[in-house]
Amino acid sequence: MSDAIKDKIVHMSLVAGGVNLFMSDSFEPIHYGNNINLSLEFATEDEAREAFAKLAEGGNVKYPLELAFWGALHGQLEDKFGVLWMITNEVKAN
């Protein structure tokens, strides 16, 4: 890892009022419109893949939906409106 990102937070979560909040530092320059990623967590891999495919239509896939090093199915994209999304399925993918 480079010195430029060695102090970045990859993933942090907390529960407040029964709501899961997920946070991380940005690894890209921040400008108006990309200062937040919306995250959706699905119970099944099929649901996660369907949502990812629909949000990716007309958009830009940043990281394909695949098994991440922490054991979850995870992908990131920018939809056709410029909204940043993270899609995950915490059940370990087969």
N, C-alpha and C. Protein backbone atom coordinates (compact mmCIF):
# COMPACT_ATOMS: atom_id res chain seq x y z
N MET A 1 0.85 -1.17 0.00
CA MET A 1 0.00 0.00 0.00
C MET A 1 0.89 1.23 0.00
N SER A 2 0.46 2.25 -0.70
CA SER A 2 1.27 3.47 -0.78
C SER A 2 1.09 4.33 0.47
N ASP A 3 2.05 5.21 0.70
CA ASP A 3 1.97 6.11 1.85
C ASP A 3 0.77 7.04 1.76
N ALA A 4 0.32 7.34 0.54
CA ALA A 4 -0.81 8.26 0.35
C ALA A 4 -2.11 7.71 0.93
N ILE A 5 -2.25 6.37 1.02
CA ILE A 5 -3.51 5.81 1.52
C ILE A 5 -3.34 4.97 2.78
N LYS A 6 -2.17 4.95 3.35
CA LYS A 6 -1.93 4.07 4.50
C LYS A 6 -2.78 4.40 5.72
N ASP A 7 -3.27 5.63 5.86
CA ASP A 7 -4.10 6.00 7.00
C ASP A 7 -5.58 6.10 6.66
N LYS A 8 -5.98 5.63 5.49
CA LYS A 8 -7.39 5.67 5.08
C LYS A 8 -8.16 4.55 5.76
N ILE A 9 -9.45 4.79 5.99
CA ILE A 9 -10.35 3.78 6.54
C ILE A 9 -11.06 3.11 5.38
N VAL A 10 -10.94 1.78 5.29
CA VAL A 10 -11.58 1.04 4.21
C VAL A 10 -13.05 0.79 4.53
N HIS A 11 -13.33 0.41 5.78
CA HIS A 11 -14.71 0.09 6.14
C HIS A 11 -14.90 0.27 7.64
N MET A 12 -15.96 0.98 7.97
CA MET A 12 -16.34 1.16 9.36
C MET A 12 -17.86 1.07 9.42
N SER A 13 -18.38 0.43 10.42
CA SER A 13 -19.84 0.37 10.55
C SER A 13 -20.24 0.56 12.00
N LEU A 14 -21.45 1.09 12.17
CA LEU A 14 -22.03 1.22 13.50
C LEU A 14 -23.53 1.16 13.36
N VAL A 15 -24.19 0.86 14.45
CA VAL A 15 -25.65 0.80 14.48
C VAL A 15 -26.14 1.91 15.39
N ALA A 16 -27.03 2.74 14.87
CA ALA A 16 -27.62 3.83 15.65
C ALA A 16 -29.12 3.83 15.43
N GLY A 17 -29.87 3.68 16.47
CA GLY A 17 -31.33 3.66 16.35
C GLY A 17 -31.83 2.52 15.48
N GLY A 18 -31.09 1.40 15.47
CA GLY A 18 -31.49 0.25 14.67
C GLY A 18 -31.12 0.34 13.21
N VAL A 19 -30.41 1.38 12.83
CA VAL A 19 -30.00 1.59 11.44
C VAL A 19 -28.51 1.32 11.30
N ASN A 20 -28.12 0.50 10.31
CA ASN A 20 -26.71 0.24 10.04
C ASN A 20 -26.13 1.40 9.24
N LEU A 21 -25.06 1.98 9.74
CA LEU A 21 -24.35 3.04 9.03
C LEU A 21 -22.98 2.51 8.64
N PHE A 22 -22.63 2.64 7.37
CA PHE A 22 -21.34 2.19 6.87
C PHE A 22 -20.57 3.39 6.37
N MET A 23 -19.29 3.46 6.69
CA MET A 23 -18.48 4.62 6.31
C MET A 23 -17.11 4.17 5.85
N SER A 24 -16.49 5.00 5.01
CA SER A 24 -15.10 4.80 4.62
C SER A 24 -14.57 6.12 4.09
N ASP A 25 -13.26 6.23 4.05
CA ASP A 25 -12.64 7.40 3.42
C ASP A 25 -12.79 7.29 1.91
N SER A 26 -12.70 8.42 1.24
CA SER A 26 -12.69 8.43 -0.22
C SER A 26 -11.28 8.17 -0.71
N PHE A 27 -11.16 7.39 -1.76
CA PHE A 27 -9.86 7.11 -2.36
C PHE A 27 -9.70 7.86 -3.67
N GLU A 28 -10.65 8.72 -3.98
CA GLU A 28 -10.62 9.54 -5.18
C GLU A 28 -10.81 11.00 -4.78
N PRO A 29 -10.39 11.93 -5.62
CA PRO A 29 -10.64 13.34 -5.30
C PRO A 29 -12.14 13.59 -5.13
N ILE A 30 -12.49 14.37 -4.11
CA ILE A 30 -13.90 14.63 -3.81
C ILE A 30 -14.34 15.92 -4.50
N HIS A 31 -15.51 15.85 -5.13
CA HIS A 31 -16.14 17.03 -5.70
C HIS A 31 -17.65 16.90 -5.50
N TYR A 32 -18.35 17.97 -5.69
CA TYR A 32 -19.79 17.95 -5.47
C TYR A 32 -20.43 16.82 -6.27
N GLY A 33 -21.16 15.95 -5.60
CA GLY A 33 -21.84 14.85 -6.26
C GLY A 33 -21.22 13.50 -5.96
N ASN A 34 -19.95 13.45 -5.58
CA ASN A 34 -19.35 12.14 -5.29
C ASN A 34 -18.92 12.04 -3.83
N ASN A 35 -19.46 12.89 -2.99
CA ASN A 35 -19.02 12.92 -1.60
C ASN A 35 -19.73 11.91 -0.71
N ILE A 36 -20.57 11.05 -1.29
CA ILE A 36 -21.23 10.01 -0.52
C ILE A 36 -21.46 8.80 -1.42
N ASN A 37 -21.30 7.62 -0.86
CA ASN A 37 -21.64 6.37 -1.53
C ASN A 37 -22.85 5.81 -0.80
N LEU A 38 -23.86 5.43 -1.54
CA LEU A 38 -25.01 4.76 -0.93
C LEU A 38 -24.72 3.27 -0.96
N SER A 39 -25.02 2.59 0.12
CA SER A 39 -24.73 1.17 0.23
C SER A 39 -26.00 0.37 0.42
N LEU A 40 -26.15 -0.67 -0.36
CA LEU A 40 -27.29 -1.58 -0.23
C LEU A 40 -26.75 -2.97 0.09
N GLU A 41 -27.28 -3.59 1.14
CA GLU A 41 -26.88 -4.94 1.52
C GLU A 41 -28.06 -5.87 1.31
N PHE A 42 -27.83 -6.95 0.57
CA PHE A 42 -28.90 -7.87 0.22
C PHE A 42 -28.74 -9.21 0.92
N ALA A 43 -29.87 -9.88 1.16
CA ALA A 43 -29.87 -11.16 1.85
C ALA A 43 -29.35 -12.29 0.97
N THR A 44 -29.54 -12.16 -0.35
CA THR A 44 -29.10 -13.23 -1.26
C THR A 44 -28.19 -12.67 -2.34
N GLU A 45 -27.36 -13.57 -2.87
CA GLU A 45 -26.47 -13.19 -3.97
C GLU A 45 -27.27 -12.79 -5.20
N ASP A 46 -28.36 -13.49 -5.49
CA ASP A 46 -29.19 -13.16 -6.66
C ASP A 46 -29.75 -11.75 -6.58
N GLU A 47 -30.24 -11.36 -5.39
CA GLU A 47 -30.77 -10.00 -5.21
C GLU A 47 -29.68 -8.96 -5.41
N ALA A 48 -28.49 -9.22 -4.88
CA ALA A 48 -27.37 -8.28 -5.03
C ALA A 48 -26.99 -8.13 -6.50
N ARG A 49 -26.92 -9.25 -7.22
CA ARG A 49 -26.54 -9.21 -8.64
C ARG A 49 -27.59 -8.48 -9.48
N GLU A 50 -28.87 -8.70 -9.17
CA GLU A 50 -29.94 -8.03 -9.90
C GLU A 50 -29.89 -6.51 -9.69
N ALA A 51 -29.73 -6.08 -8.44
CA ALA A 51 -29.66 -4.65 -8.13
C ALA A 51 -28.44 -4.02 -8.80
N PHE A 52 -27.30 -4.71 -8.73
CA PHE A 52 -26.07 -4.19 -9.33
C PHE A 52 -26.26 -4.00 -10.84
N ALA A 53 -26.83 -5.00 -11.50
CA ALA A 53 -27.04 -4.92 -12.94
C ALA A 53 -27.98 -3.77 -13.32
N LYS A 54 -29.04 -3.60 -12.57
CA LYS A 54 -30.00 -2.53 -12.87
C LYS A 54 -29.39 -1.15 -12.64
N LEU A 55 -28.66 -0.98 -11.54
CA LEU A 55 -28.03 0.32 -11.27
C LEU A 55 -26.91 0.62 -12.26
N ALA A 56 -26.27 -0.40 -12.79
CA ALA A 56 -25.16 -0.21 -13.73
C ALA A 56 -25.62 0.18 -15.13
N GLU A 57 -26.90 -0.04 -15.45
CA GLU A 57 -27.40 0.29 -16.79
C GLU A 57 -27.21 1.78 -17.06
N GLY A 58 -26.41 2.10 -18.07
CA GLY A 58 -26.16 3.50 -18.43
C GLY A 58 -25.16 4.18 -17.52
N GLY A 59 -24.60 3.45 -16.57
CA GLY A 59 -23.65 4.02 -15.62
C GLY A 59 -22.24 3.53 -15.86
N ASN A 60 -21.43 3.57 -14.81
CA ASN A 60 -20.03 3.20 -14.89
C ASN A 60 -19.67 2.27 -13.72
N VAL A 61 -19.28 1.04 -14.04
CA VAL A 61 -18.88 0.09 -13.00
C VAL A 61 -17.45 0.42 -12.58
N LYS A 62 -17.27 0.73 -11.30
CA LYS A 62 -15.94 1.03 -10.78
C LYS A 62 -15.24 -0.24 -10.33
N TYR A 63 -15.96 -1.12 -9.61
CA TYR A 63 -15.45 -2.41 -9.16
C TYR A 63 -16.55 -3.43 -9.40
N PRO A 64 -16.30 -4.44 -10.22
CA PRO A 64 -17.34 -5.45 -10.49
C PRO A 64 -17.79 -6.14 -9.20
N LEU A 65 -18.99 -6.66 -9.23
CA LEU A 65 -19.53 -7.38 -8.08
C LEU A 65 -18.84 -8.74 -8.00
N GLU A 66 -17.99 -8.91 -6.98
CA GLU A 66 -17.25 -10.16 -6.82
C GLU A 66 -16.89 -10.35 -5.35
N LEU A 67 -16.38 -11.54 -5.05
CA LEU A 67 -16.03 -11.85 -3.67
C LEU A 67 -14.85 -10.99 -3.24
N ALA A 68 -15.03 -10.23 -2.17
CA ALA A 68 -13.98 -9.33 -1.65
C ALA A 68 -13.12 -10.07 -0.63
N PHE A 69 -11.98 -9.48 -0.31
CA PHE A 69 -11.04 -10.12 0.61
C PHE A 69 -11.61 -10.36 2.00
N TRP A 70 -12.66 -9.62 2.39
CA TRP A 70 -13.23 -9.80 3.73
C TRP A 70 -14.36 -10.83 3.73
N GLY A 71 -14.62 -11.48 2.59
CA GLY A 71 -15.57 -12.58 2.56
C GLY A 71 -16.96 -12.25 2.10
N ALA A 72 -17.21 -11.02 1.69
CA ALA A 72 -18.54 -10.63 1.21
C ALA A 72 -18.51 -10.38 -0.29
N LEU A 73 -19.63 -10.61 -0.94
CA LEU A 73 -19.79 -10.21 -2.32
C LEU A 73 -19.92 -8.69 -2.31
N HIS A 74 -19.11 -7.99 -3.11
CA HIS A 74 -19.08 -6.52 -3.05
C HIS A 74 -18.75 -5.94 -4.42
N GLY A 75 -19.40 -4.84 -4.76
CA GLY A 75 -19.10 -4.11 -5.99
C GLY A 75 -19.46 -2.65 -5.83
N GLN A 76 -18.85 -1.80 -6.67
CA GLN A 76 -19.12 -0.36 -6.62
C GLN A 76 -19.38 0.14 -8.02
N LEU A 77 -20.29 1.09 -8.12
CA LEU A 77 -20.62 1.68 -9.42
C LEU A 77 -21.14 3.09 -9.27
N GLU A 78 -21.15 3.79 -10.38
CA GLU A 78 -21.78 5.11 -10.47
C GLU A 78 -22.95 4.94 -11.42
N ASP A 79 -24.17 5.27 -10.98
CA ASP A 79 -25.33 5.09 -11.85
C ASP A 79 -25.40 6.19 -12.91
N LYS A 80 -26.37 6.11 -13.79
CA LYS A 80 -26.48 7.06 -14.90
C LYS A 80 -26.75 8.49 -14.44
N PHE A 81 -27.09 8.68 -13.16
CA PHE A 81 -27.34 10.01 -12.62
C PHE A 81 -26.13 10.55 -11.85
N GLY A 82 -25.05 9.78 -11.78
CA GLY A 82 -23.85 10.21 -11.07
C GLY A 82 -23.84 9.84 -9.59
N VAL A 83 -24.81 9.03 -9.15
CA VAL A 83 -24.88 8.61 -7.76
C VAL A 83 -23.96 7.39 -7.58
N LEU A 84 -23.15 7.41 -6.52
CA LEU A 84 -22.22 6.32 -6.23
C LEU A 84 -22.88 5.28 -5.33
N TRP A 85 -22.74 4.00 -5.71
CA TRP A 85 -23.38 2.91 -4.98
C TRP A 85 -22.36 1.84 -4.63
N MET A 86 -22.55 1.22 -3.46
CA MET A 86 -21.84 0.02 -3.07
C MET A 86 -22.90 -1.05 -2.82
N ILE A 87 -22.75 -2.19 -3.46
CA ILE A 87 -23.69 -3.29 -3.33
C ILE A 87 -22.97 -4.44 -2.66
N THR A 88 -23.62 -5.06 -1.68
CA THR A 88 -22.98 -6.16 -0.97
C THR A 88 -23.98 -7.23 -0.60
N ASN A 89 -23.47 -8.42 -0.43
CA ASN A 89 -24.22 -9.56 0.06
C ASN A 89 -23.32 -10.21 1.10
N GLU A 90 -23.63 -10.05 2.36
CA GLU A 90 -22.74 -10.50 3.44
C GLU A 90 -22.65 -12.02 3.54
N VAL A 91 -23.58 -12.73 2.93
CA VAL A 91 -23.48 -14.18 2.92
C VAL A 91 -22.37 -14.54 1.94
N LYS A 92 -21.42 -15.33 2.40
CA LYS A 92 -20.28 -15.67 1.57
C LYS A 92 -20.73 -16.29 0.24
N ALA A 93 -20.23 -15.73 -0.86
CA ALA A 93 -20.61 -16.21 -2.18
C ALA A 93 -20.03 -17.59 -2.44
N ASN A 94 -20.72 -18.38 -3.26
CA ASN A 94 -20.23 -19.72 -3.62
C ASN A 94 -19.26 -19.65 -4.77
